């Protein structure tokens, strides 16, 4: 149990680094591309990232799979909250940038946030599954910038941004759970639509 949580914490720390570099870049295209470093490292190290693993629930949905998934999510939250607070303290300018992002995200209506999160979930599933079964990082390198530049919502990254903003509210709490729901739907969508198709390893 502790190992699963710590694996999630490690993934959360890496997402925090990806979020920090995105906030630091004046050019959003460069920031979106550099964010992919976070998922690349997570996949190569085998850390537990909720949005990368929820898509495998249709394939394996026993007690251990659910336990690992939600313990990883807990670890992700711990890692990104700690990372957000640390970045805000160490680099105040990034905290200011996160505040603007926080305010903008909370202007979205519930259906908008949910749909954006679903599309992000689809891309995250593709990025991780192609890496896993085709032994290539190319989908990560493209899918991450695509979801960021499209304005889609990633729950773990959003936890980092909100923590870095230093703001806490019930609206933010509801927003995060909406994104988690959307990421979960999106991550499982393709495997549910074609349940019998198994990706082949390269």
N, C-alpha and C. Protein backbone atom coordinates (compact mmCIF):
# COMPACT_ATOMS: atom_id res chain seq x y z
N UNK A 1 0.82 -1.20 0.00
CA UNK A 1 0.00 0.00 0.00
C UNK A 1 0.87 1.27 0.00
N UNK A 2 1.86 1.27 0.87
CA UNK A 2 2.75 2.44 0.96
C UNK A 2 3.51 2.63 -0.35
N UNK A 3 3.96 1.53 -0.94
CA UNK A 3 4.70 1.61 -2.20
C UNK A 3 3.84 2.20 -3.31
N UNK A 4 2.57 1.82 -3.35
CA UNK A 4 1.66 2.35 -4.38
C UNK A 4 1.44 3.85 -4.19
N UNK A 5 1.30 4.27 -2.94
CA UNK A 5 1.12 5.69 -2.68
C UNK A 5 2.38 6.47 -3.06
N UNK A 6 3.54 5.93 -2.68
CA UNK A 6 4.81 6.61 -2.98
C UNK A 6 5.07 6.69 -4.48
N UNK A 7 4.65 5.64 -5.20
CA UNK A 7 4.77 5.68 -6.66
C UNK A 7 3.93 6.82 -7.23
N UNK A 8 2.73 7.00 -6.65
CA UNK A 8 1.88 8.11 -7.05
C UNK A 8 2.48 9.45 -6.69
N UNK A 9 3.11 9.52 -5.52
CA UNK A 9 3.77 10.77 -5.11
C UNK A 9 4.87 11.15 -6.10
N UNK A 10 5.66 10.15 -6.51
CA UNK A 10 6.73 10.41 -7.47
C UNK A 10 6.17 10.96 -8.78
N UNK A 11 5.07 10.36 -9.25
CA UNK A 11 4.44 10.85 -10.47
C UNK A 11 3.93 12.27 -10.28
N UNK A 12 3.36 12.54 -9.10
CA UNK A 12 2.86 13.89 -8.82
C UNK A 12 3.97 14.92 -8.81
N UNK A 13 5.12 14.56 -8.29
CA UNK A 13 6.27 15.48 -8.28
C UNK A 13 6.70 15.80 -9.71
N UNK A 14 6.71 14.77 -10.56
CA UNK A 14 7.11 14.99 -11.96
C UNK A 14 6.09 15.84 -12.71
N UNK A 15 4.81 15.63 -12.43
CA UNK A 15 3.78 16.48 -13.04
C UNK A 15 3.95 17.92 -12.57
N UNK A 16 4.35 18.10 -11.31
CA UNK A 16 4.61 19.44 -10.79
C UNK A 16 5.73 20.13 -11.56
N UNK A 17 6.75 19.37 -11.89
CA UNK A 17 7.86 19.92 -12.66
C UNK A 17 7.39 20.30 -14.06
N UNK A 18 6.57 19.43 -14.66
CA UNK A 18 6.03 19.74 -15.98
C UNK A 18 5.15 20.98 -15.93
N UNK A 19 4.31 21.08 -14.90
CA UNK A 19 3.46 22.26 -14.74
C UNK A 19 4.26 23.52 -14.51
N UNK A 20 5.34 23.39 -13.74
CA UNK A 20 6.19 24.56 -13.46
C UNK A 20 6.85 25.09 -14.72
N UNK A 21 7.34 24.19 -15.57
CA UNK A 21 8.00 24.67 -16.78
C UNK A 21 6.98 25.28 -17.74
N UNK A 22 5.75 24.75 -17.73
CA UNK A 22 4.71 25.35 -18.56
C UNK A 22 4.40 26.77 -18.09
N UNK A 23 4.29 26.97 -16.78
CA UNK A 23 4.03 28.31 -16.23
C UNK A 23 5.19 29.25 -16.50
N UNK A 24 6.40 28.71 -16.56
CA UNK A 24 7.59 29.54 -16.70
C UNK A 24 7.82 30.02 -18.14
N UNK A 25 7.24 29.31 -19.11
CA UNK A 25 7.49 29.63 -20.51
C UNK A 25 6.53 30.71 -21.01
N UNK A 26 7.10 31.78 -21.55
CA UNK A 26 6.26 32.82 -22.16
C UNK A 26 5.60 32.30 -23.43
N UNK A 27 6.29 31.43 -24.14
CA UNK A 27 5.74 30.82 -25.35
C UNK A 27 4.99 29.55 -24.97
N UNK A 28 3.67 29.55 -25.10
CA UNK A 28 2.87 28.41 -24.66
C UNK A 28 3.15 27.15 -25.46
N UNK A 29 3.61 27.31 -26.72
CA UNK A 29 3.93 26.14 -27.53
C UNK A 29 5.17 25.43 -26.99
N UNK A 30 6.15 26.21 -26.60
CA UNK A 30 7.36 25.65 -26.00
C UNK A 30 7.02 25.00 -24.65
N UNK A 31 6.21 25.69 -23.85
CA UNK A 31 5.81 25.15 -22.55
C UNK A 31 5.06 23.85 -22.68
N UNK A 32 4.15 23.77 -23.66
CA UNK A 32 3.37 22.55 -23.88
C UNK A 32 4.27 21.39 -24.28
N UNK A 33 5.26 21.68 -25.13
CA UNK A 33 6.19 20.62 -25.57
C UNK A 33 7.05 20.14 -24.41
N UNK A 34 7.53 21.07 -23.59
CA UNK A 34 8.40 20.69 -22.48
C UNK A 34 7.65 19.94 -21.38
N UNK A 35 6.35 20.19 -21.25
CA UNK A 35 5.56 19.47 -20.25
C UNK A 35 5.63 17.97 -20.48
N UNK A 36 5.81 17.55 -21.74
CA UNK A 36 5.84 16.12 -22.04
C UNK A 36 6.98 15.40 -21.34
N UNK A 37 8.00 16.14 -20.89
CA UNK A 37 9.11 15.54 -20.14
C UNK A 37 8.56 14.80 -18.91
N UNK A 38 7.53 15.37 -18.29
CA UNK A 38 6.96 14.76 -17.08
C UNK A 38 6.43 13.36 -17.37
N UNK A 39 5.59 13.21 -18.41
CA UNK A 39 5.02 11.89 -18.69
C UNK A 39 6.06 10.93 -19.23
N UNK A 40 7.02 11.44 -19.99
CA UNK A 40 8.11 10.58 -20.47
C UNK A 40 8.83 9.93 -19.30
N UNK A 41 9.19 10.74 -18.31
CA UNK A 41 9.91 10.21 -17.14
C UNK A 41 9.03 9.27 -16.32
N UNK A 42 7.75 9.61 -16.19
CA UNK A 42 6.82 8.75 -15.45
C UNK A 42 6.72 7.38 -16.10
N UNK A 43 6.59 7.35 -17.42
CA UNK A 43 6.46 6.08 -18.13
C UNK A 43 7.74 5.26 -18.08
N UNK A 44 8.88 5.90 -18.27
CA UNK A 44 10.15 5.18 -18.25
C UNK A 44 10.46 4.63 -16.85
N UNK A 45 10.04 5.35 -15.82
CA UNK A 45 10.29 4.90 -14.44
C UNK A 45 9.19 3.98 -13.92
N UNK A 46 8.05 3.97 -14.59
CA UNK A 46 6.96 3.10 -14.17
C UNK A 46 6.17 3.61 -12.97
N UNK A 47 6.19 4.93 -12.77
CA UNK A 47 5.44 5.51 -11.65
C UNK A 47 3.94 5.48 -11.93
N UNK A 48 3.16 5.59 -10.87
CA UNK A 48 1.69 5.47 -10.98
C UNK A 48 1.03 6.83 -11.17
N UNK A 49 0.55 7.09 -12.37
CA UNK A 49 -0.19 8.32 -12.68
C UNK A 49 -1.63 7.93 -13.00
N UNK A 50 -2.56 8.49 -12.26
CA UNK A 50 -3.97 8.11 -12.39
C UNK A 50 -4.45 8.17 -13.83
N UNK A 51 -4.18 9.27 -14.51
CA UNK A 51 -4.70 9.44 -15.87
C UNK A 51 -4.04 8.50 -16.87
N UNK A 52 -2.90 7.95 -16.53
CA UNK A 52 -2.24 6.99 -17.40
C UNK A 52 -2.70 5.56 -17.15
N UNK A 53 -3.31 5.32 -15.98
CA UNK A 53 -3.66 3.95 -15.60
C UNK A 53 -5.16 3.66 -15.62
N UNK A 54 -5.99 4.70 -15.52
CA UNK A 54 -7.43 4.45 -15.44
C UNK A 54 -7.97 3.78 -16.71
N UNK A 55 -7.31 3.98 -17.84
CA UNK A 55 -7.75 3.37 -19.09
C UNK A 55 -7.63 1.86 -19.12
N UNK A 56 -6.89 1.28 -18.16
CA UNK A 56 -6.72 -0.17 -18.13
C UNK A 56 -7.73 -0.87 -17.23
N UNK A 57 -8.61 -0.08 -16.59
CA UNK A 57 -9.63 -0.66 -15.73
C UNK A 57 -10.60 -1.57 -16.51
N UNK A 58 -11.02 -1.20 -17.75
CA UNK A 58 -11.89 -2.14 -18.49
C UNK A 58 -11.23 -3.49 -18.73
N UNK A 59 -9.90 -3.49 -18.85
CA UNK A 59 -9.16 -4.74 -19.09
C UNK A 59 -8.95 -5.52 -17.80
N UNK A 60 -8.61 -4.79 -16.75
CA UNK A 60 -8.36 -5.44 -15.46
C UNK A 60 -9.05 -4.63 -14.38
N UNK A 61 -10.13 -5.16 -13.83
CA UNK A 61 -10.91 -4.39 -12.86
C UNK A 61 -11.17 -5.19 -11.59
N UNK A 62 -10.14 -5.87 -11.10
CA UNK A 62 -10.27 -6.57 -9.83
C UNK A 62 -9.95 -5.63 -8.68
N UNK A 63 -10.03 -6.15 -7.49
CA UNK A 63 -9.82 -5.35 -6.29
C UNK A 63 -8.44 -4.71 -6.26
N UNK A 64 -7.44 -5.47 -6.66
CA UNK A 64 -6.07 -4.97 -6.64
C UNK A 64 -5.88 -3.83 -7.64
N UNK A 65 -6.54 -3.93 -8.80
CA UNK A 65 -6.42 -2.88 -9.81
C UNK A 65 -7.03 -1.57 -9.31
N UNK A 66 -8.21 -1.66 -8.70
CA UNK A 66 -8.85 -0.46 -8.17
C UNK A 66 -8.06 0.11 -7.00
N UNK A 67 -7.54 -0.77 -6.16
CA UNK A 67 -6.75 -0.32 -5.02
C UNK A 67 -5.52 0.45 -5.49
N UNK A 68 -4.80 -0.13 -6.46
CA UNK A 68 -3.61 0.53 -6.99
C UNK A 68 -3.93 1.85 -7.64
N UNK A 69 -5.07 1.90 -8.36
CA UNK A 69 -5.46 3.11 -9.06
C UNK A 69 -5.74 4.25 -8.08
N UNK A 70 -6.52 3.99 -7.05
CA UNK A 70 -6.91 5.06 -6.14
C UNK A 70 -5.82 5.41 -5.12
N UNK A 71 -4.99 4.43 -4.76
CA UNK A 71 -3.84 4.77 -3.92
C UNK A 71 -2.85 5.62 -4.71
N UNK A 72 -2.73 5.32 -6.01
CA UNK A 72 -1.89 6.14 -6.87
C UNK A 72 -2.43 7.56 -7.00
N UNK A 73 -3.76 7.68 -7.10
CA UNK A 73 -4.39 8.99 -7.17
C UNK A 73 -4.12 9.79 -5.90
N UNK A 74 -4.21 9.12 -4.75
CA UNK A 74 -3.90 9.79 -3.49
C UNK A 74 -2.46 10.29 -3.50
N UNK A 75 -1.55 9.43 -3.96
CA UNK A 75 -0.15 9.83 -4.05
C UNK A 75 0.05 10.98 -5.02
N UNK A 76 -0.65 10.94 -6.16
CA UNK A 76 -0.58 12.03 -7.14
C UNK A 76 -0.96 13.36 -6.50
N UNK A 77 -2.05 13.34 -5.72
CA UNK A 77 -2.52 14.56 -5.06
C UNK A 77 -1.49 15.07 -4.05
N UNK A 78 -0.93 14.15 -3.28
CA UNK A 78 0.08 14.55 -2.29
C UNK A 78 1.29 15.17 -2.99
N UNK A 79 1.76 14.51 -4.05
CA UNK A 79 2.93 15.00 -4.77
C UNK A 79 2.72 16.35 -5.42
N UNK A 80 1.54 16.54 -6.04
CA UNK A 80 1.30 17.80 -6.73
C UNK A 80 0.98 18.94 -5.77
N UNK A 81 0.30 18.64 -4.67
CA UNK A 81 0.03 19.70 -3.69
C UNK A 81 1.34 20.17 -3.06
N UNK A 82 2.18 19.20 -2.69
CA UNK A 82 3.48 19.56 -2.13
C UNK A 82 4.32 20.32 -3.16
N UNK A 83 4.29 19.83 -4.40
CA UNK A 83 5.03 20.49 -5.46
C UNK A 83 4.54 21.90 -5.73
N UNK A 84 3.21 22.07 -5.71
CA UNK A 84 2.63 23.39 -5.94
C UNK A 84 3.02 24.38 -4.87
N UNK A 85 2.93 23.97 -3.61
CA UNK A 85 3.31 24.86 -2.50
C UNK A 85 4.80 25.21 -2.57
N UNK A 86 5.63 24.21 -2.91
CA UNK A 86 7.07 24.43 -2.98
C UNK A 86 7.43 25.40 -4.09
N UNK A 87 6.80 25.22 -5.26
CA UNK A 87 7.08 26.10 -6.40
C UNK A 87 6.62 27.52 -6.09
N UNK A 88 5.46 27.66 -5.48
CA UNK A 88 4.95 29.00 -5.13
C UNK A 88 5.91 29.72 -4.18
N UNK A 89 6.46 28.98 -3.23
CA UNK A 89 7.39 29.57 -2.27
C UNK A 89 8.73 29.91 -2.94
N UNK A 90 9.26 28.97 -3.73
CA UNK A 90 10.60 29.14 -4.30
C UNK A 90 10.63 30.10 -5.48
N UNK A 91 9.56 30.09 -6.29
CA UNK A 91 9.51 30.93 -7.49
C UNK A 91 8.18 31.68 -7.49
N UNK A 92 8.06 32.77 -6.74
CA UNK A 92 6.78 33.48 -6.59
C UNK A 92 6.13 33.87 -7.91
N UNK A 93 6.93 34.14 -8.94
CA UNK A 93 6.35 34.52 -10.23
C UNK A 93 5.49 33.40 -10.81
N UNK A 94 5.88 32.16 -10.55
CA UNK A 94 5.09 31.04 -11.05
C UNK A 94 3.78 30.91 -10.28
N UNK A 95 3.80 31.29 -9.00
CA UNK A 95 2.58 31.32 -8.22
C UNK A 95 1.60 32.34 -8.77
N UNK A 96 2.12 33.48 -9.19
CA UNK A 96 1.28 34.51 -9.79
C UNK A 96 0.66 34.03 -11.10
N UNK A 97 1.47 33.34 -11.90
CA UNK A 97 0.96 32.78 -13.16
C UNK A 97 -0.11 31.72 -12.90
N UNK A 98 0.09 30.94 -11.84
CA UNK A 98 -0.88 29.90 -11.48
C UNK A 98 -2.19 30.52 -11.03
N UNK A 99 -2.14 31.67 -10.36
CA UNK A 99 -3.36 32.36 -9.92
C UNK A 99 -4.22 32.73 -11.12
N UNK A 100 -3.58 33.24 -12.17
CA UNK A 100 -4.33 33.62 -13.38
C UNK A 100 -4.98 32.40 -14.01
N UNK A 101 -4.25 31.29 -14.01
CA UNK A 101 -4.77 30.05 -14.58
C UNK A 101 -5.95 29.53 -13.75
N UNK A 102 -5.81 29.61 -12.44
CA UNK A 102 -6.86 29.20 -11.51
C UNK A 102 -8.15 29.99 -11.78
N UNK A 103 -8.02 31.31 -11.87
CA UNK A 103 -9.20 32.16 -12.10
C UNK A 103 -9.87 31.83 -13.43
N UNK A 104 -9.07 31.59 -14.45
CA UNK A 104 -9.62 31.30 -15.78
C UNK A 104 -10.37 29.97 -15.79
N UNK A 105 -9.81 28.96 -15.14
CA UNK A 105 -10.42 27.65 -15.14
C UNK A 105 -11.77 27.65 -14.44
N UNK A 106 -11.89 28.42 -13.37
CA UNK A 106 -13.13 28.42 -12.61
C UNK A 106 -14.25 29.22 -13.26
N UNK A 107 -13.98 29.84 -14.41
CA UNK A 107 -15.05 30.50 -15.16
C UNK A 107 -15.79 29.51 -16.07
N UNK A 108 -15.25 28.31 -16.23
CA UNK A 108 -15.86 27.31 -17.11
C UNK A 108 -17.12 26.72 -16.48
N UNK A 109 -18.09 26.44 -17.33
CA UNK A 109 -19.29 25.74 -16.88
C UNK A 109 -18.97 24.25 -16.71
N UNK A 110 -19.76 23.57 -15.88
CA UNK A 110 -19.53 22.15 -15.60
C UNK A 110 -19.42 21.31 -16.88
N UNK A 111 -20.37 21.43 -17.85
CA UNK A 111 -20.25 20.61 -19.06
C UNK A 111 -18.97 20.90 -19.85
N UNK A 112 -18.54 22.16 -19.88
CA UNK A 112 -17.31 22.50 -20.59
C UNK A 112 -16.11 21.79 -19.96
N UNK A 113 -16.04 21.87 -18.64
CA UNK A 113 -14.92 21.24 -17.93
C UNK A 113 -14.93 19.73 -18.13
N UNK A 114 -16.11 19.13 -18.04
CA UNK A 114 -16.22 17.67 -18.19
C UNK A 114 -15.78 17.23 -19.58
N UNK A 115 -16.25 17.92 -20.61
CA UNK A 115 -15.90 17.55 -21.98
C UNK A 115 -14.40 17.73 -22.23
N UNK A 116 -13.85 18.83 -21.74
CA UNK A 116 -12.41 19.05 -21.89
C UNK A 116 -11.61 17.94 -21.21
N UNK A 117 -12.10 17.49 -20.06
CA UNK A 117 -11.42 16.43 -19.33
C UNK A 117 -11.52 15.08 -20.04
N UNK A 118 -12.68 14.83 -20.67
CA UNK A 118 -12.85 13.57 -21.42
C UNK A 118 -11.84 13.50 -22.56
N UNK A 119 -11.71 14.57 -23.31
CA UNK A 119 -10.76 14.56 -24.43
C UNK A 119 -9.32 14.38 -23.94
N UNK A 120 -9.01 14.99 -22.81
CA UNK A 120 -7.67 14.81 -22.24
C UNK A 120 -7.46 13.35 -21.86
N UNK A 121 -8.49 12.74 -21.27
CA UNK A 121 -8.39 11.33 -20.88
C UNK A 121 -8.13 10.42 -22.07
N UNK A 122 -8.77 10.70 -23.19
CA UNK A 122 -8.54 9.92 -24.41
C UNK A 122 -7.08 10.03 -24.84
N UNK A 123 -6.56 11.25 -24.85
CA UNK A 123 -5.17 11.47 -25.28
C UNK A 123 -4.17 10.83 -24.31
N UNK A 124 -4.47 10.89 -23.01
CA UNK A 124 -3.57 10.28 -22.04
C UNK A 124 -3.54 8.76 -22.21
N UNK A 125 -4.71 8.17 -22.45
CA UNK A 125 -4.75 6.72 -22.68
C UNK A 125 -3.91 6.35 -23.90
N UNK A 126 -4.07 7.10 -24.97
CA UNK A 126 -3.32 6.81 -26.20
C UNK A 126 -1.82 6.96 -25.98
N UNK A 127 -1.43 8.03 -25.28
CA UNK A 127 -0.01 8.29 -25.05
C UNK A 127 0.63 7.13 -24.29
N UNK A 128 -0.03 6.69 -23.23
CA UNK A 128 0.55 5.64 -22.38
C UNK A 128 0.45 4.26 -23.04
N UNK A 129 -0.67 3.96 -23.68
CA UNK A 129 -0.83 2.63 -24.27
C UNK A 129 0.10 2.43 -25.46
N UNK A 130 0.30 3.47 -26.26
CA UNK A 130 1.22 3.35 -27.39
C UNK A 130 2.65 3.21 -26.89
N UNK A 131 2.99 3.94 -25.83
CA UNK A 131 4.32 3.79 -25.22
C UNK A 131 4.51 2.36 -24.71
N UNK A 132 3.48 1.85 -24.06
CA UNK A 132 3.56 0.53 -23.43
C UNK A 132 3.64 -0.60 -24.44
N UNK A 133 2.84 -0.55 -25.49
CA UNK A 133 2.76 -1.67 -26.40
C UNK A 133 3.57 -1.53 -27.69
N UNK A 134 3.96 -0.30 -28.02
CA UNK A 134 4.76 -0.11 -29.23
C UNK A 134 6.19 0.31 -28.92
N UNK A 135 6.49 0.47 -27.63
CA UNK A 135 7.85 0.81 -27.18
C UNK A 135 8.39 2.07 -27.86
N UNK A 136 7.51 3.06 -27.99
CA UNK A 136 7.93 4.34 -28.58
C UNK A 136 7.31 5.49 -27.80
N UNK A 137 8.09 6.57 -27.58
CA UNK A 137 7.56 7.73 -26.85
C UNK A 137 6.85 8.74 -27.75
N UNK A 138 6.69 8.42 -29.04
CA UNK A 138 6.20 9.42 -29.98
C UNK A 138 4.80 9.93 -29.62
N UNK A 139 3.93 9.05 -29.13
CA UNK A 139 2.58 9.49 -28.78
C UNK A 139 2.61 10.44 -27.59
N UNK A 140 3.52 10.22 -26.65
CA UNK A 140 3.65 11.12 -25.51
C UNK A 140 4.08 12.50 -25.99
N UNK A 141 5.07 12.53 -26.86
CA UNK A 141 5.63 13.78 -27.35
C UNK A 141 4.57 14.62 -28.08
N UNK A 142 3.61 13.96 -28.72
CA UNK A 142 2.57 14.69 -29.45
C UNK A 142 1.28 14.87 -28.64
N UNK A 143 0.87 13.84 -27.92
CA UNK A 143 -0.42 13.92 -27.21
C UNK A 143 -0.41 14.95 -26.09
N UNK A 144 0.70 15.10 -25.39
CA UNK A 144 0.75 16.06 -24.28
C UNK A 144 0.59 17.50 -24.79
N UNK A 145 1.40 17.94 -25.76
CA UNK A 145 1.17 19.30 -26.28
C UNK A 145 -0.22 19.49 -26.87
N UNK A 146 -0.77 18.45 -27.50
CA UNK A 146 -2.10 18.56 -28.09
C UNK A 146 -3.15 18.84 -27.02
N UNK A 147 -3.12 18.12 -25.90
CA UNK A 147 -4.15 18.36 -24.88
C UNK A 147 -3.98 19.72 -24.22
N UNK A 148 -2.73 20.16 -24.05
CA UNK A 148 -2.50 21.46 -23.42
C UNK A 148 -2.92 22.59 -24.34
N UNK A 149 -2.50 22.55 -25.59
CA UNK A 149 -2.81 23.63 -26.53
C UNK A 149 -4.29 23.65 -26.91
N UNK A 150 -4.96 22.52 -26.76
CA UNK A 150 -6.39 22.47 -27.04
C UNK A 150 -7.24 22.99 -25.88
N UNK A 151 -6.61 23.19 -24.73
CA UNK A 151 -7.35 23.66 -23.57
C UNK A 151 -8.06 22.55 -22.81
N UNK A 152 -7.64 21.29 -23.04
CA UNK A 152 -8.25 20.17 -22.34
C UNK A 152 -7.72 20.12 -20.90
N UNK A 153 -8.47 19.45 -20.02
CA UNK A 153 -8.16 19.49 -18.59
C UNK A 153 -7.58 18.17 -18.08
N UNK A 154 -6.43 18.28 -17.41
CA UNK A 154 -5.75 17.14 -16.80
C UNK A 154 -5.83 17.29 -15.28
N UNK A 155 -6.49 16.35 -14.62
CA UNK A 155 -6.78 16.49 -13.19
C UNK A 155 -5.54 16.66 -12.32
N UNK A 156 -4.51 15.89 -12.58
CA UNK A 156 -3.33 15.93 -11.71
C UNK A 156 -2.56 17.23 -11.93
N UNK A 157 -2.46 17.66 -13.18
CA UNK A 157 -1.82 18.95 -13.46
C UNK A 157 -2.62 20.09 -12.83
N UNK A 158 -3.94 19.99 -12.89
CA UNK A 158 -4.77 21.04 -12.31
C UNK A 158 -4.61 21.13 -10.80
N UNK A 159 -4.43 19.99 -10.14
CA UNK A 159 -4.17 20.03 -8.70
C UNK A 159 -2.89 20.82 -8.42
N UNK A 160 -1.87 20.59 -9.25
CA UNK A 160 -0.63 21.36 -9.10
C UNK A 160 -0.88 22.85 -9.29
N UNK A 161 -1.56 23.22 -10.38
CA UNK A 161 -1.80 24.64 -10.65
C UNK A 161 -2.57 25.30 -9.51
N UNK A 162 -3.57 24.59 -9.00
CA UNK A 162 -4.38 25.17 -7.92
C UNK A 162 -3.56 25.32 -6.65
N UNK A 163 -2.72 24.32 -6.35
CA UNK A 163 -1.86 24.42 -5.16
C UNK A 163 -0.86 25.56 -5.32
N UNK A 164 -0.30 25.70 -6.53
CA UNK A 164 0.67 26.76 -6.78
C UNK A 164 0.03 28.14 -6.72
N UNK A 165 -1.27 28.19 -6.97
CA UNK A 165 -1.97 29.48 -6.92
C UNK A 165 -2.15 29.96 -5.48
N UNK A 166 -2.11 29.02 -4.54
CA UNK A 166 -2.31 29.37 -3.13
C UNK A 166 -3.75 29.61 -2.76
N UNK A 167 -4.67 29.33 -3.69
CA UNK A 167 -6.10 29.56 -3.44
C UNK A 167 -6.82 28.25 -3.14
N UNK A 168 -7.73 28.31 -2.20
CA UNK A 168 -8.52 27.14 -1.83
C UNK A 168 -9.99 27.54 -1.78
N UNK A 169 -10.84 26.72 -2.40
CA UNK A 169 -12.27 27.02 -2.39
C UNK A 169 -13.06 25.76 -2.70
N UNK A 170 -14.34 25.76 -2.35
CA UNK A 170 -15.22 24.64 -2.68
C UNK A 170 -15.37 24.51 -4.19
N UNK A 171 -15.36 25.65 -4.88
CA UNK A 171 -15.47 25.62 -6.34
C UNK A 171 -14.29 24.88 -6.95
N UNK A 172 -13.09 25.13 -6.41
CA UNK A 172 -11.89 24.45 -6.91
C UNK A 172 -11.96 22.96 -6.64
N UNK A 173 -12.46 22.59 -5.46
CA UNK A 173 -12.61 21.18 -5.10
C UNK A 173 -13.56 20.49 -6.07
N UNK A 174 -14.69 21.13 -6.36
CA UNK A 174 -15.65 20.56 -7.30
C UNK A 174 -15.08 20.47 -8.70
N UNK A 175 -14.30 21.47 -9.08
CA UNK A 175 -13.68 21.49 -10.40
C UNK A 175 -12.76 20.28 -10.56
N UNK A 176 -11.92 20.03 -9.56
CA UNK A 176 -10.96 18.93 -9.64
C UNK A 176 -11.68 17.59 -9.77
N UNK A 177 -12.74 17.38 -9.01
CA UNK A 177 -13.45 16.11 -9.09
C UNK A 177 -14.18 15.96 -10.42
N UNK A 178 -14.61 17.09 -11.00
CA UNK A 178 -15.21 17.04 -12.34
C UNK A 178 -14.18 16.60 -13.36
N UNK A 179 -12.97 17.11 -13.23
CA UNK A 179 -11.90 16.75 -14.16
C UNK A 179 -11.49 15.29 -13.98
N UNK A 180 -11.43 14.84 -12.73
CA UNK A 180 -11.11 13.43 -12.49
C UNK A 180 -12.16 12.54 -13.15
N UNK A 181 -13.44 12.90 -13.02
CA UNK A 181 -14.51 12.14 -13.65
C UNK A 181 -14.35 12.12 -15.16
N UNK A 182 -14.11 13.30 -15.75
CA UNK A 182 -13.94 13.37 -17.20
C UNK A 182 -12.73 12.61 -17.69
N UNK A 183 -11.61 12.72 -16.99
CA UNK A 183 -10.40 11.97 -17.35
C UNK A 183 -10.66 10.47 -17.29
N UNK A 184 -11.44 10.04 -16.30
CA UNK A 184 -11.75 8.62 -16.15
C UNK A 184 -12.61 8.13 -17.31
N UNK A 185 -13.62 8.90 -17.67
CA UNK A 185 -14.48 8.54 -18.80
C UNK A 185 -13.66 8.48 -20.09
N UNK A 186 -12.86 9.52 -20.32
CA UNK A 186 -12.05 9.57 -21.53
C UNK A 186 -11.01 8.48 -21.59
N UNK A 187 -10.38 8.18 -20.46
CA UNK A 187 -9.36 7.15 -20.43
C UNK A 187 -9.91 5.77 -20.73
N UNK A 188 -11.15 5.51 -20.32
CA UNK A 188 -11.74 4.19 -20.54
C UNK A 188 -12.56 4.10 -21.82
N UNK A 189 -12.76 5.23 -22.50
CA UNK A 189 -13.68 5.28 -23.64
C UNK A 189 -13.26 4.35 -24.78
N UNK A 190 -12.04 4.47 -25.26
CA UNK A 190 -11.60 3.65 -26.39
C UNK A 190 -11.55 2.16 -26.03
N UNK A 191 -11.00 1.79 -24.87
CA UNK A 191 -11.00 0.36 -24.51
C UNK A 191 -12.41 -0.22 -24.36
N UNK A 192 -13.38 0.61 -23.94
CA UNK A 192 -14.76 0.12 -23.82
C UNK A 192 -15.44 -0.01 -25.17
N UNK A 193 -15.08 0.88 -26.10
CA UNK A 193 -15.69 0.82 -27.43
C UNK A 193 -15.21 -0.39 -28.21
N UNK A 194 -13.94 -0.78 -28.01
CA UNK A 194 -13.39 -1.96 -28.68
C UNK A 194 -12.74 -2.85 -27.63
N UNK A 195 -13.54 -3.53 -26.82
CA UNK A 195 -13.00 -4.28 -25.69
C UNK A 195 -12.15 -5.49 -26.05
N UNK A 196 -12.37 -6.04 -27.24
CA UNK A 196 -11.65 -7.27 -27.60
C UNK A 196 -10.33 -7.01 -28.31
N UNK A 197 -10.08 -5.73 -28.64
CA UNK A 197 -8.85 -5.43 -29.37
C UNK A 197 -7.70 -5.23 -28.39
N UNK A 198 -6.69 -6.05 -28.48
CA UNK A 198 -5.53 -5.97 -27.62
C UNK A 198 -4.34 -5.43 -28.39
N UNK A 199 -3.74 -4.32 -27.97
CA UNK A 199 -2.56 -3.82 -28.65
C UNK A 199 -1.44 -4.85 -28.59
N UNK A 200 -0.72 -4.99 -29.68
CA UNK A 200 0.38 -5.94 -29.73
C UNK A 200 1.70 -5.23 -29.49
N UNK A 201 2.55 -5.89 -28.74
CA UNK A 201 3.86 -5.30 -28.47
C UNK A 201 4.69 -5.32 -29.75
N UNK A 202 5.51 -4.26 -29.89
CA UNK A 202 6.34 -4.16 -31.10
C UNK A 202 7.38 -5.27 -31.11
